Protein backbone atom coordinates (compact mmCIF):
# COMPACT_ATOMS: atom_id res chain seq x y z
CA MET A 1 0.14 0.15 0.12
CA ILE A 2 1.28 3.34 -1.16
CA LYS A 3 1.54 5.62 1.97
CA ASN A 4 3.77 8.48 0.54
CA GLU A 5 1.01 11.63 0.90
CA SER A 6 2.71 13.36 -1.72
CA PHE A 7 3.19 10.87 -4.49
CA LEU A 8 -0.47 10.27 -3.82
CA CYS A 9 -1.14 13.99 -4.66
CA LEU A 10 1.05 13.66 -7.76
CA LEU A 11 -0.75 10.81 -9.15
CA GLY A 12 -4.07 12.53 -8.62
CA HIS A 13 -2.71 16.01 -10.61
CA ILE A 14 -1.53 13.75 -13.50
CA LYS A 15 -4.96 11.34 -13.41
CA TYR A 16 -6.76 14.98 -13.57
CA LYS A 17 -4.74 16.11 -16.31
CA LEU A 18 -4.87 12.77 -18.48
CA MET A 19 -8.90 12.98 -17.91
CA LEU A 20 -8.93 16.68 -19.40
CA ASN A 21 -6.51 15.65 -22.08
CA ILE A 22 -7.70 12.17 -23.66
CA ASN A 23 -10.63 11.59 -25.09
CA GLU A 24 -12.38 13.46 -22.16
CA LYS A 25 -15.35 14.75 -24.74
CA LYS A 26 -16.60 11.59 -25.14
CA ILE A 27 -16.06 10.32 -21.76
CA SER A 28 -17.85 13.27 -20.75
CA LYS A 29 -20.88 12.15 -23.35
CA ILE A 30 -21.06 8.55 -21.82
CA ARG A 31 -21.46 10.33 -18.48
CA ASN A 32 -23.79 12.49 -19.50
CA LYS A 33 -26.01 9.00 -21.10
CA SER A 34 -25.63 7.81 -17.33
CA LEU A 35 -27.43 11.02 -15.43
CA LYS A 36 -30.81 10.64 -14.97
CA ASN A 37 -30.88 14.94 -13.44
CA LYS A 38 -29.67 16.76 -15.94
CA ASN A 39 -30.72 19.98 -15.16
CA PHE A 40 -29.14 21.41 -11.50
CA THR A 41 -27.40 24.54 -10.38
CA ILE A 42 -24.17 24.51 -8.80
CA ILE A 43 -23.70 27.77 -6.73
CA SER A 44 -19.44 27.81 -5.84
CA ASN A 45 -17.17 29.58 -4.49
CA ASN A 46 -14.85 28.94 -7.03
CA CYS A 47 -14.54 27.37 -10.51
CA TRP A 48 -15.45 23.49 -9.30
CA GLY A 49 -19.17 24.33 -11.02
CA GLY A 50 -17.90 24.59 -14.56
CA TYR A 51 -15.66 21.23 -14.18
CA ILE A 52 -18.24 19.48 -13.61
CA TYR A 53 -20.47 20.79 -15.79
CA ARG A 54 -17.72 19.71 -18.40
CA LEU A 55 -17.69 16.42 -16.75
CA PHE A 56 -20.68 15.39 -17.92
CA ASN A 57 -20.91 17.32 -20.85
CA LEU A 58 -23.59 19.81 -19.93
CA PRO A 59 -23.93 23.54 -20.79
CA TYR A 60 -23.25 26.32 -17.78
CA GLN A 61 -26.87 25.74 -15.84
CA SER A 62 -25.25 28.48 -12.94
CA PRO A 63 -23.56 32.34 -13.20
CA THR A 64 -21.14 31.13 -11.00
CA ILE A 65 -18.51 29.82 -13.78
CA GLY A 66 -15.02 31.05 -14.32
CA LEU A 67 -14.75 32.98 -11.05
CA PHE A 68 -14.12 32.88 -7.77
CA ILE A 69 -15.78 34.39 -4.22
CA MET A 70 -13.88 35.39 -1.13
CA PRO A 71 -15.22 33.37 1.89
CA ASN A 72 -17.01 36.46 3.95
CA ASP A 73 -18.31 37.31 0.52
CA TYR A 74 -19.51 33.93 -0.20
CA LEU A 75 -20.87 32.91 3.13
CA LYS A 76 -23.59 36.01 2.56
CA PHE A 77 -24.06 35.32 -0.87
CA VAL A 78 -25.25 32.11 -0.32
CA ASN A 79 -27.47 32.74 2.82
CA ASN A 80 -29.47 35.38 0.61
CA LEU A 81 -28.96 33.90 -2.50
CA GLU A 82 -32.39 35.04 -4.09
CA TYR A 83 -32.40 38.50 -3.41
CA TYR A 84 -28.33 38.70 -4.87
CA LEU A 85 -29.57 36.68 -7.90
CA LYS A 86 -32.71 38.32 -8.48
CA GLU A 87 -33.09 41.51 -7.54
CA CYS A 88 -28.95 43.01 -7.54
CA LYS A 89 -27.63 44.24 -10.96
CA LEU A 90 -24.21 43.32 -11.66
CA LYS A 91 -21.89 46.42 -11.76
CA PHE A 92 -18.11 46.28 -11.66
CA ILE A 93 -15.34 48.35 -9.63
CA ASN A 94 -11.85 49.21 -9.81
CA PRO A 95 -9.69 46.38 -8.28
CA LYS A 96 -8.44 48.65 -6.12
CA ASP A 97 -11.21 49.88 -4.72
CA SER A 98 -12.15 45.85 -3.51
CA HIS A 99 -13.05 45.56 0.03
CA ASN A 100 -10.67 42.35 -0.23
CA TYR A 101 -7.92 44.22 -1.65
CA ASP A 102 -5.32 43.87 0.66
CA GLU A 103 -5.81 39.97 0.75
CA LEU A 104 -6.09 40.17 -3.09
CA VAL A 105 -3.36 42.46 -3.67
CA SER A 106 -0.91 40.11 -3.39
CA HIS A 107 -2.13 37.34 -6.44
CA ALA A 108 -0.03 37.76 -8.99
CA CYS A 109 -3.06 38.65 -11.61
CA TYR A 110 -5.02 40.62 -9.04
CA GLY A 111 -5.99 43.84 -11.39
CA SER A 112 -6.67 41.89 -14.49
CA TYR A 113 -9.65 40.84 -14.21
CA PRO A 114 -12.86 42.45 -13.73
CA VAL A 115 -14.48 42.69 -10.42
CA GLY A 116 -17.86 42.45 -10.36
CA LEU A 117 -20.51 43.90 -7.31
CA LEU A 118 -23.83 42.51 -5.82
CA ASP A 119 -25.14 44.95 -3.61
CA ASP A 120 -22.01 44.04 -0.98
CA VAL A 121 -21.11 41.03 -2.41
CA GLU A 122 -17.66 40.82 -4.92
CA ILE A 123 -17.87 38.17 -7.76
CA LEU A 124 -14.21 38.15 -9.01
CA PHE A 125 -14.28 37.15 -12.46
CA MET A 126 -10.61 35.58 -12.80
CA HIS A 127 -10.96 33.80 -16.10
CA TYR A 128 -12.54 36.72 -17.93
CA LYS A 129 -10.80 39.25 -20.41
CA THR A 130 -13.63 42.19 -19.93
CA GLU A 131 -16.75 43.29 -17.82
CA ALA A 132 -18.67 43.28 -21.11
CA GLU A 133 -17.87 39.33 -21.31
CA ALA A 134 -18.77 39.12 -17.84
CA LEU A 135 -21.52 40.40 -17.37
CA GLU A 136 -23.25 39.03 -20.62
CA LYS A 137 -22.14 35.68 -19.79
CA TRP A 138 -23.15 36.17 -15.96
CA ASN A 139 -27.00 37.21 -17.27
CA ARG A 140 -27.20 34.60 -19.59
CA ARG A 141 -26.59 32.08 -16.83
CA CYS A 142 -28.53 33.51 -14.07
CA GLU A 143 -31.63 33.04 -16.60
CA ARG A 144 -30.82 28.94 -16.58
CA ILE A 145 -30.48 28.51 -12.68
CA ASN A 146 -32.59 25.75 -11.59
CA TRP A 147 -34.46 27.16 -8.17
CA ASP A 148 -35.29 23.86 -7.67
CA ASN A 149 -32.03 21.73 -7.84
CA LEU A 150 -29.80 23.91 -6.15
CA ILE A 151 -25.80 22.22 -5.17
CA ILE A 152 -24.19 24.81 -2.39
CA LYS A 153 -20.46 24.02 -2.65
CA PHE A 154 -17.95 25.46 -0.74
CA ASN A 155 -14.13 25.28 0.52
CA ASP A 156 -11.42 26.33 2.54
CA GLN A 157 -9.60 28.24 0.12
CA ASN A 158 -9.02 31.83 -0.10
CA GLY A 159 -7.77 32.09 4.08
CA CYS A 160 -11.21 30.48 4.92
CA THR A 161 -11.59 30.21 8.36
CA ASN A 162 -12.86 27.44 10.53
CA GLU A 163 -15.43 30.20 12.01
CA GLN A 164 -16.46 30.72 8.09
CA ILE A 165 -16.58 26.86 7.72
CA GLU A 166 -18.88 26.35 10.73
CA LYS A 167 -21.11 29.20 9.63
CA PHE A 168 -21.45 27.46 6.30
CA ASN A 169 -22.43 24.12 8.29
CA LYS A 170 -25.12 26.36 9.80
CA ILE A 171 -26.64 26.95 6.87
CA ASN A 172 -30.28 24.99 6.60
CA LYS A 173 -31.74 26.04 3.21
CA TYR A 174 -30.94 24.11 0.90
CA ASP A 175 -30.92 20.29 0.54
CA LYS A 176 -27.58 19.57 -0.92
CA MET A 177 -24.69 21.22 0.22
CA ILE A 178 -20.72 20.61 0.37
CA CYS A 179 -17.82 21.66 1.79
CA PHE A 180 -13.95 20.66 0.57
CA ILE A 181 -11.47 21.23 3.81
CA ALA A 182 -7.97 20.12 3.89
CA LYS A 183 -8.26 19.82 8.03
CA LYS A 184 -10.48 17.63 10.16
CA ILE A 185 -13.11 19.43 11.32
CA PRO A 186 -16.59 18.59 12.30
CA GLY A 187 -19.63 19.17 10.46
CA LYS A 188 -22.69 17.24 8.14
CA TYR A 189 -21.55 19.23 4.69
CA ASN A 190 -17.75 19.05 5.78
CA ILE A 191 -15.25 16.45 3.09
CA TYR A 192 -11.95 15.98 4.30
CA MET A 193 -9.35 15.79 1.42
CA TRP A 194 -6.46 14.79 3.62
CA GLU A 195 -4.18 15.27 0.12
CA PHE A 196 -3.71 19.05 1.24
CA LYS A 197 -3.32 18.47 4.65
CA LYS A 198 0.13 19.84 4.37
CA ASP A 199 -1.06 23.06 2.51
CA GLY A 200 -3.68 23.67 5.09
CA TYR A 201 -6.52 24.35 2.63
CA VAL A 202 -7.65 22.55 -0.15
CA VAL A 203 -5.49 23.53 -3.26
CA ASP A 204 -7.44 22.99 -6.04
CA ASP A 205 -10.71 20.72 -5.16
CA LYS A 206 -11.21 18.72 -8.63
CA TYR A 207 -7.78 16.81 -7.50
CA TRP A 208 -9.12 13.54 -5.92
CA LEU A 209 -12.93 14.86 -5.95
CA MET A 210 -13.92 11.13 -7.24
CA GLN A 211 -12.06 9.32 -4.22
CA HIS A 212 -14.03 11.67 -1.51
CA LEU A 213 -17.29 12.40 -3.33
CA ASN A 214 -19.80 10.03 -5.01
CA LEU A 215 -20.74 12.81 -7.44
CA LYS A 216 -23.56 11.38 -9.32
CA LYS A 217 -25.05 10.25 -6.62
CA LEU A 218 -25.12 14.06 -4.89
CA ILE A 219 -26.53 15.42 -8.27
CA GLU A 220 -29.18 12.25 -8.48
CA LYS A 221 -30.12 13.24 -4.94
């Protein structure tokens, strides 16, 4: 039995890259045929949702694609989701005016992508080049939201604290919620990814996903 965790993480990384690059489109079509529930919306604090839709060859049925949301903002967002997504218009601000600026300024690419604002919640459009592109795709995907079939996903990235993880676990508004963490913290939504315990947080929650979560069971729930 292999016990070297660094080696296991490396194997996980290689497996993930192979899944993306070797006939992934064909494999995703096979996954799609096995899925009964194809109309679901993933609300995620990072790019995880887009990865899941691609795994099953599905259109993006969520606005939280190609972006990330800082932990405190994300908690506000999911605690009042209908308000932020139905009543608030997405605006854009100068990255220097972000209330998360002190935490984000050290990121190498910060300032090169649009920063959106929904009332008091910032949306960081990391994989978008322009505000116009971000706005168009945000609005289009908001129209696809299935409010009757939501999956709410969180993780411990971007300086997330134990207290914030605890707050997420106290949310009782949704039937399907998960939270990937790199520390053993009790919580009904928590999924411990021990591969990242040396990092102190889940560096990428796409790696080793299948080893920790029955994804199809979650979607079909």
